[in-house]
Amino acid sequence: MDKWISYDKLSKKEKRKRDQANRHTWGAISPVTRKPINSRVYNRRKAQDWRKDAADS
């Protein structure tokens, strides 16, 4: 049986091993925070759409 050693006193290698063991993947979920697009903000892409409309006519 191994002796219990506090995390602070562990070696750098051992801390890395324990940290890697505790990490998991997000799976299908993206951890990026999402928010709705603000309709009042200037959008460069939308501003160029008038050129496409004029070319189609």
PDB file of N, CA and C in Angstrom:
ATOM      1  N   MET A   1       0.833  -1.182   0.000  1.00  0.00           N
ATOM      2  CA  MET A   1       0.000   0.000   0.000  1.00  0.00           C
ATOM      3  C   MET A   1       0.881   1.250   0.000  1.00  0.00           C
ATOM      4  N   ASP A   2       0.581   2.177  -0.892  1.00  0.00           N
ATOM      5  CA  ASP A   2       1.368   3.407  -0.982  1.00  0.00           C
ATOM      6  C   ASP A   2       0.963   4.394   0.095  1.00  0.00           C
ATOM      7  N   LYS A   3       1.946   5.148   0.546  1.00  0.00           N
ATOM      8  CA  LYS A   3       1.653   6.199   1.516  1.00  0.00           C
ATOM      9  C   LYS A   3       0.981   7.358   0.804  1.00  0.00           C
ATOM     10  N   TRP A   4       0.074   8.031   1.504  1.00  0.00           N
ATOM     11  CA  TRP A   4      -0.592   9.198   0.926  1.00  0.00           C
ATOM     12  C   TRP A   4       0.323  10.398   1.111  1.00  0.00           C
ATOM     13  N   ILE A   5       0.579  11.120   0.004  1.00  0.00           N
ATOM     14  CA  ILE A   5       1.410  12.322   0.030  1.00  0.00           C
ATOM     15  C   ILE A   5       0.565  13.474  -0.487  1.00  0.00           C
ATOM     16  N   SER A   6       0.634  14.619   0.199  1.00  0.00           N
ATOM     17  CA  SER A   6      -0.167  15.763  -0.229  1.00  0.00           C
ATOM     18  C   SER A   6       0.275  16.214  -1.615  1.00  0.00           C
ATOM     19  N   TYR A   7      -0.658  16.798  -2.360  1.00  0.00           N
ATOM     20  CA  TYR A   7      -0.395  17.218  -3.742  1.00  0.00           C
ATOM     21  C   TYR A   7       0.753  18.221  -3.811  1.00  0.00           C
ATOM     22  N   ASP A   8       0.837  19.104  -2.844  1.00  0.00           N
ATOM     23  CA  ASP A   8       1.881  20.136  -2.843  1.00  0.00           C
ATOM     24  C   ASP A   8       3.289  19.547  -2.756  1.00  0.00           C
ATOM     25  N   LYS A   9       3.413  18.418  -2.100  1.00  0.00           N
ATOM     26  CA  LYS A   9       4.734  17.824  -1.900  1.00  0.00           C
ATOM     27  C   LYS A   9       5.129  16.829  -2.991  1.00  0.00           C
ATOM     28  N   LEU A  10       4.241  16.575  -3.934  1.00  0.00           N
ATOM     29  CA  LEU A  10       4.550  15.639  -5.011  1.00  0.00           C
ATOM     30  C   LEU A  10       5.572  16.234  -5.979  1.00  0.00           C
ATOM     31  N   SER A  11       6.289  15.352  -6.663  1.00  0.00           N
ATOM     32  CA  SER A  11       7.237  15.813  -7.677  1.00  0.00           C
ATOM     33  C   SER A  11       6.461  16.312  -8.891  1.00  0.00           C
ATOM     34  N   LYS A  12       7.133  17.036  -9.762  1.00  0.00           N
ATOM     35  CA  LYS A  12       6.488  17.594 -10.951  1.00  0.00           C
ATOM     36  C   LYS A  12       5.943  16.474 -11.843  1.00  0.00           C
ATOM     37  N   LYS A  13       6.714  15.394 -11.998  1.00  0.00           N
ATOM     38  CA  LYS A  13       6.283  14.253 -12.809  1.00  0.00           C
ATOM     39  C   LYS A  13       5.020  13.615 -12.248  1.00  0.00           C
ATOM     40  N   GLU A  14       5.004  13.421 -10.959  1.00  0.00           N
ATOM     41  CA  GLU A  14       3.859  12.771 -10.314  1.00  0.00           C
ATOM     42  C   GLU A  14       2.612  13.657 -10.393  1.00  0.00           C
ATOM     43  N   LYS A  15       2.804  14.975 -10.242  1.00  0.00           N
ATOM     44  CA  LYS A  15       1.669  15.899 -10.374  1.00  0.00           C
ATOM     45  C   LYS A  15       1.085  15.805 -11.772  1.00  0.00           C
ATOM     46  N   ARG A  16       1.962  15.750 -12.790  1.00  0.00           N
ATOM     47  CA  ARG A  16       1.493  15.633 -14.170  1.00  0.00           C
ATOM     48  C   ARG A  16       0.704  14.364 -14.386  1.00  0.00           C
ATOM     49  N   LYS A  17       1.203  13.242 -13.845  1.00  0.00           N
ATOM     50  CA  LYS A  17       0.498  11.956 -13.982  1.00  0.00           C
ATOM     51  C   LYS A  17      -0.907  12.040 -13.391  1.00  0.00           C
ATOM     52  N   ARG A  18      -0.996  12.597 -12.191  1.00  0.00           N
ATOM     53  CA  ARG A  18      -2.312  12.702 -11.530  1.00  0.00           C
ATOM     54  C   ARG A  18      -3.242  13.657 -12.277  1.00  0.00           C
ATOM     55  N   ASP A  19      -2.704  14.774 -12.760  1.00  0.00           N
ATOM     56  CA  ASP A  19      -3.513  15.737 -13.506  1.00  0.00           C
ATOM     57  C   ASP A  19      -4.046  15.113 -14.787  1.00  0.00           C
ATOM     58  N   GLN A  20      -3.195  14.370 -15.502  1.00  0.00           N
ATOM     59  CA  GLN A  20      -3.618  13.717 -16.742  1.00  0.00           C
ATOM     60  C   GLN A  20      -4.703  12.683 -16.474  1.00  0.00           C
ATOM     61  N   ALA A  21      -4.599  11.970 -15.371  1.00  0.00           N
ATOM     62  CA  ALA A  21      -5.597  10.952 -15.023  1.00  0.00           C
ATOM     63  C   ALA A  21      -6.960  11.588 -14.740  1.00  0.00           C
ATOM     64  N   ASN A  22      -6.950  12.805 -14.211  1.00  0.00           N
ATOM     65  CA  ASN A  22      -8.204  13.476 -13.859  1.00  0.00           C
ATOM     66  C   ASN A  22      -8.854  14.213 -15.025  1.00  0.00           C
ATOM     67  N   ARG A  23      -8.095  14.416 -16.109  1.00  0.00           N
ATOM     68  CA  ARG A  23      -8.648  15.136 -17.255  1.00  0.00           C
ATOM     69  C   ARG A  23      -9.504  14.220 -18.106  1.00  0.00           C
ATOM     70  N   HIS A  24     -10.607  14.774 -18.608  1.00  0.00           N
ATOM     71  CA  HIS A  24     -11.493  14.020 -19.482  1.00  0.00           C
ATOM     72  C   HIS A  24     -11.820  14.876 -20.698  1.00  0.00           C
ATOM     73  N   THR A  25     -12.357  14.244 -21.729  1.00  0.00           N
ATOM     74  CA  THR A  25     -12.745  14.993 -22.917  1.00  0.00           C
ATOM     75  C   THR A  25     -14.156  15.531 -22.738  1.00  0.00           C
ATOM     76  N   TRP A  26     -14.495  16.519 -23.525  1.00  0.00           N
ATOM     77  CA  TRP A  26     -15.833  17.101 -23.497  1.00  0.00           C
ATOM     78  C   TRP A  26     -16.796  16.274 -24.336  1.00  0.00           C
ATOM     79  N   GLY A  27     -16.268  15.390 -25.168  1.00  0.00           N
ATOM     80  CA  GLY A  27     -17.140  14.582 -26.016  1.00  0.00           C
ATOM     81  C   GLY A  27     -17.733  15.433 -27.124  1.00  0.00           C
ATOM     82  N   ALA A  28     -19.043  15.343 -27.310  1.00  0.00           N
ATOM     83  CA  ALA A  28     -19.716  16.081 -28.381  1.00  0.00           C
ATOM     84  C   ALA A  28     -19.991  17.533 -28.003  1.00  0.00           C
ATOM     85  N   ILE A  29     -19.827  17.868 -26.732  1.00  0.00           N
ATOM     86  CA  ILE A  29     -20.129  19.221 -26.260  1.00  0.00           C
ATOM     87  C   ILE A  29     -18.924  20.127 -26.487  1.00  0.00           C
ATOM     88  N   SER A  30     -19.161  21.301 -27.018  1.00  0.00           N
ATOM     89  CA  SER A  30     -18.104  22.283 -27.200  1.00  0.00           C
ATOM     90  C   SER A  30     -18.059  23.192 -25.978  1.00  0.00           C
ATOM     91  N   PRO A  31     -16.895  23.373 -25.350  1.00  0.00           N
ATOM     92  CA  PRO A  31     -16.809  24.189 -24.147  1.00  0.00           C
ATOM     93  C   PRO A  31     -16.842  25.697 -24.410  1.00  0.00           C
ATOM     94  N   VAL A  32     -16.907  26.096 -25.667  1.00  0.00           N
ATOM     95  CA  VAL A  32     -16.900  27.510 -26.015  1.00  0.00           C
ATOM     96  C   VAL A  32     -18.217  28.161 -25.596  1.00  0.00           C
ATOM     97  N   THR A  33     -18.114  29.297 -24.959  1.00  0.00           N
ATOM     98  CA  THR A  33     -19.307  30.032 -24.554  1.00  0.00           C
ATOM     99  C   THR A  33     -19.977  30.599 -25.798  1.00  0.00           C
ATOM    100  N   ARG A  34     -21.281  30.456 -25.890  1.00  0.00           N
ATOM    101  CA  ARG A  34     -21.986  30.943 -27.061  1.00  0.00           C
ATOM    102  C   ARG A  34     -22.999  32.004 -26.649  1.00  0.00           C
ATOM    103  N   LYS A  35     -23.213  32.950 -27.538  1.00  0.00           N
ATOM    104  CA  LYS A  35     -24.206  33.984 -27.279  1.00  0.00           C
ATOM    105  C   LYS A  35     -24.879  34.340 -28.601  1.00  0.00           C
ATOM    106  N   PRO A  36     -26.082  34.850 -28.565  1.00  0.00           N
ATOM    107  CA  PRO A  36     -26.764  35.217 -29.806  1.00  0.00           C
ATOM    108  C   PRO A  36     -26.085  36.416 -30.475  1.00  0.00           C
ATOM    109  N   ILE A  37     -26.188  36.479 -31.793  1.00  0.00           N
ATOM    110  CA  ILE A  37     -25.597  37.577 -32.547  1.00  0.00           C
ATOM    111  C   ILE A  37     -26.381  38.861 -32.280  1.00  0.00           C
ATOM    112  N   ASN A  38     -25.677  39.933 -31.974  1.00  0.00           N
ATOM    113  CA  ASN A  38     -26.316  41.217 -31.714  1.00  0.00           C
ATOM    114  C   ASN A  38     -26.682  41.848 -33.059  1.00  0.00           C
ATOM    115  N   SER A  39     -27.952  42.118 -33.271  1.00  0.00           N
ATOM    116  CA  SER A  39     -28.411  42.639 -34.555  1.00  0.00           C
ATOM    117  C   SER A  39     -28.016  44.103 -34.776  1.00  0.00           C
ATOM    118  N   ARG A  40     -27.667  44.811 -33.714  1.00  0.00           N
ATOM    119  CA  ARG A  40     -27.329  46.233 -33.844  1.00  0.00           C
ATOM    120  C   ARG A  40     -25.852  46.482 -34.138  1.00  0.00           C
ATOM    121  N   VAL A  41     -25.038  45.454 -34.049  1.00  0.00           N
ATOM    122  CA  VAL A  41     -23.603  45.600 -34.282  1.00  0.00           C
ATOM    123  C   VAL A  41     -23.306  45.562 -35.774  1.00  0.00           C
ATOM    124  N   TYR A  42     -22.343  46.372 -36.216  1.00  0.00           N
ATOM    125  CA  TYR A  42     -21.952  46.415 -37.627  1.00  0.00           C
ATOM    126  C   TYR A  42     -21.355  45.070 -38.028  1.00  0.00           C
ATOM    127  N   ASN A  43     -21.842  44.536 -39.134  1.00  0.00           N
ATOM    128  CA  ASN A  43     -21.372  43.252 -39.630  1.00  0.00           C
ATOM    129  C   ASN A  43     -20.804  43.445 -41.036  1.00  0.00           C
ATOM    130  N   ARG A  44     -19.510  43.266 -41.194  1.00  0.00           N
ATOM    131  CA  ARG A  44     -18.857  43.491 -42.487  1.00  0.00           C
ATOM    132  C   ARG A  44     -19.418  42.581 -43.573  1.00  0.00           C
ATOM    133  N   ARG A  45     -19.676  41.339 -43.231  1.00  0.00           N
ATOM    134  CA  ARG A  45     -20.200  40.407 -44.222  1.00  0.00           C
ATOM    135  C   ARG A  45     -21.563  40.844 -44.746  1.00  0.00           C
ATOM    136  N   LYS A  46     -22.403  41.272 -43.832  1.00  0.00           N
ATOM    137  CA  LYS A  46     -23.742  41.718 -44.220  1.00  0.00           C
ATOM    138  C   LYS A  46     -23.657  43.007 -45.053  1.00  0.00           C
ATOM    139  N   ALA A  47     -22.684  43.852 -44.748  1.00  0.00           N
ATOM    140  CA  ALA A  47     -22.523  45.111 -45.471  1.00  0.00           C
ATOM    141  C   ALA A  47     -22.142  44.864 -46.930  1.00  0.00           C
ATOM    142  N   GLN A  48     -21.484  43.762 -47.227  1.00  0.00           N
ATOM    143  CA  GLN A  48     -21.068  43.465 -48.600  1.00  0.00           C
ATOM    144  C   GLN A  48     -22.139  42.727 -49.385  1.00  0.00           C
ATOM    145  N   ASP A  49     -23.217  42.310 -48.743  1.00  0.00           N
ATOM    146  CA  ASP A  49     -24.280  41.573 -49.422  1.00  0.00           C
ATOM    147  C   ASP A  49     -24.957  42.408 -50.506  1.00  0.00           C
ATOM    148  N   TRP A  50     -24.979  43.730 -50.378  1.00  0.00           N
ATOM    149  CA  TRP A  50     -25.652  44.561 -51.382  1.00  0.00           C
ATOM    150  C   TRP A  50     -24.970  44.403 -52.740  1.00  0.00           C
ATOM    151  N   ARG A  51     -23.671  44.099 -52.750  1.00  0.00           N
ATOM    152  CA  ARG A  51     -22.957  43.901 -54.024  1.00  0.00           C
ATOM    153  C   ARG A  51     -23.479  42.655 -54.737  1.00  0.00           C
ATOM    154  N   LYS A  52     -23.716  41.595 -53.983  1.00  0.00           N
ATOM    155  CA  LYS A  52     -24.231  40.355 -54.567  1.00  0.00           C
ATOM    156  C   LYS A  52     -25.629  40.571 -55.131  1.00  0.00           C
ATOM    157  N   ASP A  53     -26.455  41.299 -54.382  1.00  0.00           N
ATOM    158  CA  ASP A  53     -27.827  41.577 -54.852  1.00  0.00           C
ATOM    159  C   ASP A  53     -27.818  42.407 -56.128  1.00  0.00           C
ATOM    160  N   ALA A  54     -26.917  43.391 -56.216  1.00  0.00           N
ATOM    161  CA  ALA A  54     -26.831  44.253 -57.394  1.00  0.00           C
ATOM    162  C   ALA A  54     -26.333  43.465 -58.603  1.00  0.00           C
ATOM    163  N   ALA A  55     -25.439  42.504 -58.399  1.00  0.00           N
ATOM    164  CA  ALA A  55     -24.894  41.696 -59.504  1.00  0.00           C
ATOM    165  C   ALA A  55     -25.932  40.739 -60.058  1.00  0.00           C
ATOM    166  N   ASP A  56     -26.828  40.250 -59.216  1.00  0.00           N
ATOM    167  CA  ASP A  56     -27.877  39.318 -59.642  1.00  0.00           C
ATOM    168  C   ASP A  56     -28.928  40.002 -60.496  1.00  0.00           C
ATOM    169  N   SER A  57     -29.162  41.266 -60.281  1.00  0.00           N
ATOM    170  CA  SER A  57     -30.228  41.977 -60.974  1.00  0.00           C
ATOM    171  C   SER A  57     -29.916  42.248 -62.421  1.00  0.00           C
TER     172      SER A  57
END
